[in-house]
C-alpha atoms as a PDB file:
ATOM      1  CA  MET A   1      39.339  60.970 -27.988  1.00  0.00           C
ATOM      2  CA  LYS A   2      36.969  59.041 -25.948  1.00  0.00           C
ATOM      3  CA  ASP A   3      36.270  55.957 -28.147  1.00  0.00           C
ATOM      4  CA  LYS A   4      40.259  55.753 -28.364  1.00  0.00           C
ATOM      5  CA  ILE A   5      40.678  55.109 -24.667  1.00  0.00           C
ATOM      6  CA  LEU A   6      37.613  52.873 -24.584  1.00  0.00           C
ATOM      7  CA  ASN A   7      38.765  50.952 -27.515  1.00  0.00           C
ATOM      8  CA  ASP A   8      42.474  50.775 -25.781  1.00  0.00           C
ATOM      9  CA  LEU A   9      40.924  49.795 -22.579  1.00  0.00           C
ATOM     10  CA  LYS A  10      38.628  46.980 -24.518  1.00  0.00           C
ATOM     11  CA  ASP A  11      41.781  45.743 -26.197  1.00  0.00           C
ATOM     12  CA  ILE A  12      44.646  45.870 -22.792  1.00  0.00           C
ATOM     13  CA  LEU A  13      41.809  44.184 -20.534  1.00  0.00           C
ATOM     14  CA  ILE A  14      40.851  41.553 -22.959  1.00  0.00           C
ATOM     15  CA  LYS A  15      45.138  41.127 -24.212  1.00  0.00           C
ATOM     16  CA  ASN A  16      45.335  40.519 -20.000  1.00  0.00           C
ATOM     17  CA  ASN A  17      42.408  38.493 -19.802  1.00  0.00           C
ATOM     18  CA  LEU A  18      41.031  41.092 -16.594  1.00  0.00           C
ATOM     19  CA  LYS A  19      37.582  41.821 -16.134  1.00  0.00           C
ATOM     20  CA  LEU A  20      37.024  45.230 -14.595  1.00  0.00           C
ATOM     21  CA  SER A  21      34.188  46.606 -11.677  1.00  0.00           C
ATOM     22  CA  SER A  22      33.115  50.005 -11.499  1.00  0.00           C
ATOM     23  CA  GLY A  23      31.963  52.025  -8.886  1.00  0.00           C
ATOM     24  CA  GLU A  24      30.206  55.143  -9.393  1.00  0.00           C
ATOM     25  CA  SER A  25      28.970  57.840  -7.539  1.00  0.00           C
ATOM     26  CA  CYS A  26      29.139  61.443  -8.599  1.00  0.00           C
ATOM     27  CA  THR A  27      29.414  59.998 -12.661  1.00  0.00           C
ATOM     28  CA  GLY A  28      25.915  58.135 -11.710  1.00  0.00           C
ATOM     29  CA  GLY A  29      26.897  55.064 -13.744  1.00  0.00           C
ATOM     30  CA  LEU A  30      27.904  57.575 -16.789  1.00  0.00           C
ATOM     31  CA  ILE A  31      31.737  55.469 -16.919  1.00  0.00           C
ATOM     32  CA  SER A  32      29.094  52.256 -17.274  1.00  0.00           C
ATOM     33  CA  SER A  33      27.305  53.303 -20.058  1.00  0.00           C
ATOM     34  CA  TYR A  34      30.037  55.075 -21.625  1.00  0.00           C
ATOM     35  CA  LEU A  35      32.103  51.680 -21.473  1.00  0.00           C
ATOM     36  CA  THR A  36      29.350  49.534 -22.401  1.00  0.00           C
ATOM     37  CA  ASP A  37      29.038  51.684 -25.808  1.00  0.00           C
ATOM     38  CA  ILE A  38      31.443  49.238 -26.948  1.00  0.00           C
ATOM     39  CA  ASN A  39      30.751  46.256 -29.139  1.00  0.00           C
ATOM     40  CA  GLY A  40      32.217  43.165 -27.269  1.00  0.00           C
ATOM     41  CA  SER A  41      32.102  45.075 -23.259  1.00  0.00           C
ATOM     42  CA  SER A  42      30.784  42.311 -21.642  1.00  0.00           C
ATOM     43  CA  ASN A  43      34.053  40.268 -22.653  1.00  0.00           C
ATOM     44  CA  PHE A  44      35.503  42.974 -19.767  1.00  0.00           C
ATOM     45  CA  ILE A  45      33.080  44.314 -17.576  1.00  0.00           C
ATOM     46  CA  GLU A  46      32.019  42.011 -14.248  1.00  0.00           C
ATOM     47  CA  GLN A  47      29.801  44.555 -12.259  1.00  0.00           C
ATOM     48  CA  ASN A  48      28.919  48.089 -12.045  1.00  0.00           C
ATOM     49  CA  PHE A  49      27.711  49.285  -9.446  1.00  0.00           C
ATOM     50  CA  VAL A  50      26.417  53.092  -8.779  1.00  0.00           C
ATOM     51  CA  THR A  51      26.541  54.052  -4.733  1.00  0.00           C
ATOM     52  CA  TYR A  52      25.499  57.332  -4.385  1.00  0.00           C
ATOM     53  CA  ALA A  53      24.657  57.163  -0.899  1.00  0.00           C
ATOM     54  CA  PRO A  54      27.069  56.243   2.162  1.00  0.00           C
ATOM     55  CA  GLU A  55      25.373  52.968   3.736  1.00  0.00           C
ATOM     56  CA  ALA A  56      25.237  52.031  -0.505  1.00  0.00           C
ATOM     57  CA  LYS A  57      29.423  52.547  -0.687  1.00  0.00           C
ATOM     58  CA  HIS A  58      29.165  50.353   2.869  1.00  0.00           C
ATOM     59  CA  LYS A  59      27.140  47.813   1.930  1.00  0.00           C
ATOM     60  CA  PHE A  60      28.825  46.537  -1.742  1.00  0.00           C
ATOM     61  CA  LEU A  61      31.911  48.205  -1.664  1.00  0.00           C
ATOM     62  CA  ASN A  62      33.336  47.456   2.143  1.00  0.00           C
ATOM     63  CA  VAL A  63      33.535  51.409   2.762  1.00  0.00           C
ATOM     64  CA  LYS A  64      33.789  51.452   6.750  1.00  0.00           C
ATOM     65  CA  ASN A  65      31.527  53.982   8.199  1.00  0.00           C
ATOM     66  CA  ASP A  66      34.192  55.454  10.156  1.00  0.00           C
ATOM     67  CA  THR A  67      36.309  56.632   6.996  1.00  0.00           C
ATOM     68  CA  ILE A  68      32.840  58.371   5.560  1.00  0.00           C
ATOM     69  CA  LYS A  69      32.790  59.937   9.146  1.00  0.00           C
ATOM     70  CA  LYS A  70      36.069  60.995   9.907  1.00  0.00           C
ATOM     71  CA  TYR A  71      37.115  62.174   5.966  1.00  0.00           C
ATOM     72  CA  SER A  72      33.931  62.561   4.305  1.00  0.00           C
ATOM     73  CA  VAL A  73      32.044  60.751   1.634  1.00  0.00           C
ATOM     74  CA  VAL A  74      34.151  63.267  -0.798  1.00  0.00           C
ATOM     75  CA  SER A  75      37.485  61.870  -0.009  1.00  0.00           C
ATOM     76  CA  LYS A  76      40.624  60.151  -0.882  1.00  0.00           C
ATOM     77  CA  GLU A  77      40.344  57.397   1.997  1.00  0.00           C
ATOM     78  CA  VAL A  78      36.506  56.766   0.369  1.00  0.00           C
ATOM     79  CA  ALA A  79      37.945  57.049  -2.935  1.00  0.00           C
ATOM     80  CA  LEU A  80      40.626  54.123  -2.380  1.00  0.00           C
ATOM     81  CA  GLU A  81      38.152  52.321  -0.261  1.00  0.00           C
ATOM     82  CA  MET A  82      35.541  51.904  -3.213  1.00  0.00           C
ATOM     83  CA  ALA A  83      38.151  51.255  -5.426  1.00  0.00           C
ATOM     84  CA  GLU A  84      39.971  47.883  -3.204  1.00  0.00           C
ATOM     85  CA  GLY A  85      35.965  47.090  -2.236  1.00  0.00           C
ATOM     86  CA  LEU A  86      35.535  46.770  -6.130  1.00  0.00           C
ATOM     87  CA  LEU A  87      38.365  44.168  -6.182  1.00  0.00           C
ATOM     88  CA  LYS A  88      36.519  41.380  -4.630  1.00  0.00           C
ATOM     89  CA  TYR A  89      34.502  41.389  -8.131  1.00  0.00           C
ATOM     90  CA  ALA A  90      36.968  41.871 -10.254  1.00  0.00           C
ATOM     91  CA  ASP A  91      40.885  42.099 -11.601  1.00  0.00           C
ATOM     92  CA  VAL A  92      40.521  45.801 -12.053  1.00  0.00           C
ATOM     93  CA  SER A  93      38.529  48.681 -10.566  1.00  0.00           C
ATOM     94  CA  VAL A  94      37.478  52.599 -11.191  1.00  0.00           C
ATOM     95  CA  SER A  95      35.493  54.377  -8.483  1.00  0.00           C
ATOM     96  CA  THR A  96      34.413  58.085  -8.534  1.00  0.00           C
ATOM     97  CA  THR A  97      33.058  60.377  -5.544  1.00  0.00           C
ATOM     98  CA  GLY A  98      32.635  63.851  -6.197  1.00  0.00           C
ATOM     99  CA  TYR A  99      30.884  67.084  -6.257  1.00  0.00           C
ATOM    100  CA  ALA A 100      28.995  67.754  -9.649  1.00  0.00           C
ATOM    101  CA  GLY A 101      26.881  70.641  -8.104  1.00  0.00           C
ATOM    102  CA  PRO A 102      25.512  72.984  -8.059  1.00  0.00           C
ATOM    103  CA  LEU A 103      25.098  72.390  -4.304  1.00  0.00           C
ATOM    104  CA  GLY A 104      28.111  70.734  -1.891  1.00  0.00           C
ATOM    105  CA  GLY A 105      31.143  71.257  -2.312  1.00  0.00           C
ATOM    106  CA  ASP A 106      33.649  73.343   0.489  1.00  0.00           C
ATOM    107  CA  ASP A 107      36.801  75.356   0.181  1.00  0.00           C
ATOM    108  CA  LYS A 108      39.080  72.633   0.251  1.00  0.00           C
ATOM    109  CA  ASN A 109      37.037  70.423  -2.272  1.00  0.00           C
ATOM    110  CA  PRO A 110      34.822  72.777  -4.288  1.00  0.00           C
ATOM    111  CA  VAL A 111      32.257  71.843  -7.118  1.00  0.00           C
ATOM    112  CA  GLY A 112      33.574  70.035  -9.620  1.00  0.00           C
ATOM    113  CA  SER A 113      36.294  68.134  -7.575  1.00  0.00           C
ATOM    114  CA  VAL A 114      36.419  64.740  -7.745  1.00  0.00           C
ATOM    115  CA  PHE A 115      38.513  61.821  -6.537  1.00  0.00           C
ATOM    116  CA  ILE A 116      39.107  58.700  -8.622  1.00  0.00           C
ATOM    117  CA  GLY A 117      40.180  55.358  -7.818  1.00  0.00           C
ATOM    118  CA  LEU A 118      42.329  52.953  -9.557  1.00  0.00           C
ATOM    119  CA  GLY A 119      43.007  49.123  -8.179  1.00  0.00           C
ATOM    120  CA  LEU A 120      44.345  46.295  -9.613  1.00  0.00           C
ATOM    121  CA  LYS A 121      45.000  42.887  -8.773  1.00  0.00           C
ATOM    122  CA  LYS A 122      48.059  41.388  -9.777  1.00  0.00           C
ATOM    123  CA  ASP A 123      50.310  38.494  -8.885  1.00  0.00           C
ATOM    124  CA  GLY A 124      48.650  38.185  -5.689  1.00  0.00           C
ATOM    125  CA  LYS A 125      49.277  41.697  -4.393  1.00  0.00           C
ATOM    126  CA  ILE A 126      46.824  44.805  -4.774  1.00  0.00           C
ATOM    127  CA  LEU A 127      48.025  47.629  -6.539  1.00  0.00           C
ATOM    128  CA  THR A 128      45.581  50.982  -6.066  1.00  0.00           C
ATOM    129  CA  ASP A 129      45.992  54.923  -6.796  1.00  0.00           C
ATOM    130  CA  VAL A 130      43.913  57.404  -5.943  1.00  0.00           C
ATOM    131  CA  ILE A 131      43.544  60.970  -8.248  1.00  0.00           C
ATOM    132  CA  ARG A 132      42.618  63.713  -7.245  1.00  0.00           C
ATOM    133  CA  TYR A 133      40.897  65.653 -10.445  1.00  0.00           C
ATOM    134  CA  VAL A 134      38.992  69.160 -10.423  1.00  0.00           C
ATOM    135  CA  SER A 135      36.888  70.045 -13.942  1.00  0.00           C
ATOM    136  CA  LYS A 136      36.503  73.874 -14.894  1.00  0.00           C
ATOM    137  CA  SER A 137      32.652  72.669 -16.725  1.00  0.00           C
ATOM    138  CA  LYS A 138      30.357  74.632 -15.232  1.00  0.00           C
ATOM    139  CA  THR A 139      27.038  72.236 -15.296  1.00  0.00           C
ATOM    140  CA  ARG A 140      26.461  69.430 -13.193  1.00  0.00           C
ATOM    141  CA  CYS A 141      25.823  67.636 -16.650  1.00  0.00           C
ATOM    142  CA  LYS A 142      29.237  68.902 -18.144  1.00  0.00           C
ATOM    143  CA  ILE A 143      31.005  68.197 -15.048  1.00  0.00           C
ATOM    144  CA  LYS A 144      29.617  64.142 -15.189  1.00  0.00           C
ATOM    145  CA  GLU A 145      30.825  63.906 -18.308  1.00  0.00           C
ATOM    146  CA  ASP A 146      34.487  65.675 -17.650  1.00  0.00           C
ATOM    147  CA  PHE A 147      34.501  63.362 -14.612  1.00  0.00           C
ATOM    148  CA  ALA A 148      33.832  59.931 -16.289  1.00  0.00           C
ATOM    149  CA  ASN A 149      36.377  60.827 -19.325  1.00  0.00           C
ATOM    150  CA  THR A 150      38.827  61.588 -16.383  1.00  0.00           C
ATOM    151  CA  ALA A 151      38.507  58.579 -15.313  1.00  0.00           C
ATOM    152  CA  LEU A 152      38.122  56.355 -18.003  1.00  0.00           C
ATOM    153  CA  LYS A 153      41.611  58.393 -19.207  1.00  0.00           C
ATOM    154  CA  GLU A 154      43.382  57.680 -15.961  1.00  0.00           C
ATOM    155  CA  LEU A 155      42.142  54.383 -15.426  1.00  0.00           C
ATOM    156  CA  LEU A 156      43.948  53.503 -19.254  1.00  0.00           C
ATOM    157  CA  SER A 157      47.500  55.249 -17.738  1.00  0.00           C
ATOM    158  CA  PHE A 158      47.286  53.127 -14.632  1.00  0.00           C
ATOM    159  CA  LEU A 159      46.946  50.002 -16.563  1.00  0.00           C
ATOM    160  CA  LYS A 160      49.459  50.690 -19.226  1.00  0.00           C
ATOM    161  CA  LYS A 161      51.876  51.222 -15.837  1.00  0.00           C
ATOM    162  CA  ASN A 162      51.228  48.618 -14.142  1.00  0.00           C
ATOM    163  CA  VAL A 163      49.994  45.677 -16.408  1.00  0.00           C
END
């Protein structure tokens, strides 16, 4: 399943001459790793970031400190600003911020919660979306894998609708 999604992403990005950048927090570079498992990924990957600390999100992805203070680092607002910030590097973006556990989370966003930001520059406009997903996996590594796979699946769906 993952291989089909990755190959479909490759095809849609190359066919439309689009470059992709990812900004990951809770997935720790796993999305980038999966994307670079594809032969020819240098034809569609521009730059990828692991921005674990709030300061890194601010410095590299232009996430506003006020947004982090107001909504928390794990929020749809931060995922959106991450995705928007990535669009200065590429045409397409995917971002993740969440709680992979075993610590963290709260009643509203428990461990296993992630916000996935998606972005696309098209015809001089910026299109974005944010998906909230809660993993049913129980271990940190499985949660990260679930987050990364879900982000790639959502990115493919987003591109199919908007490209």
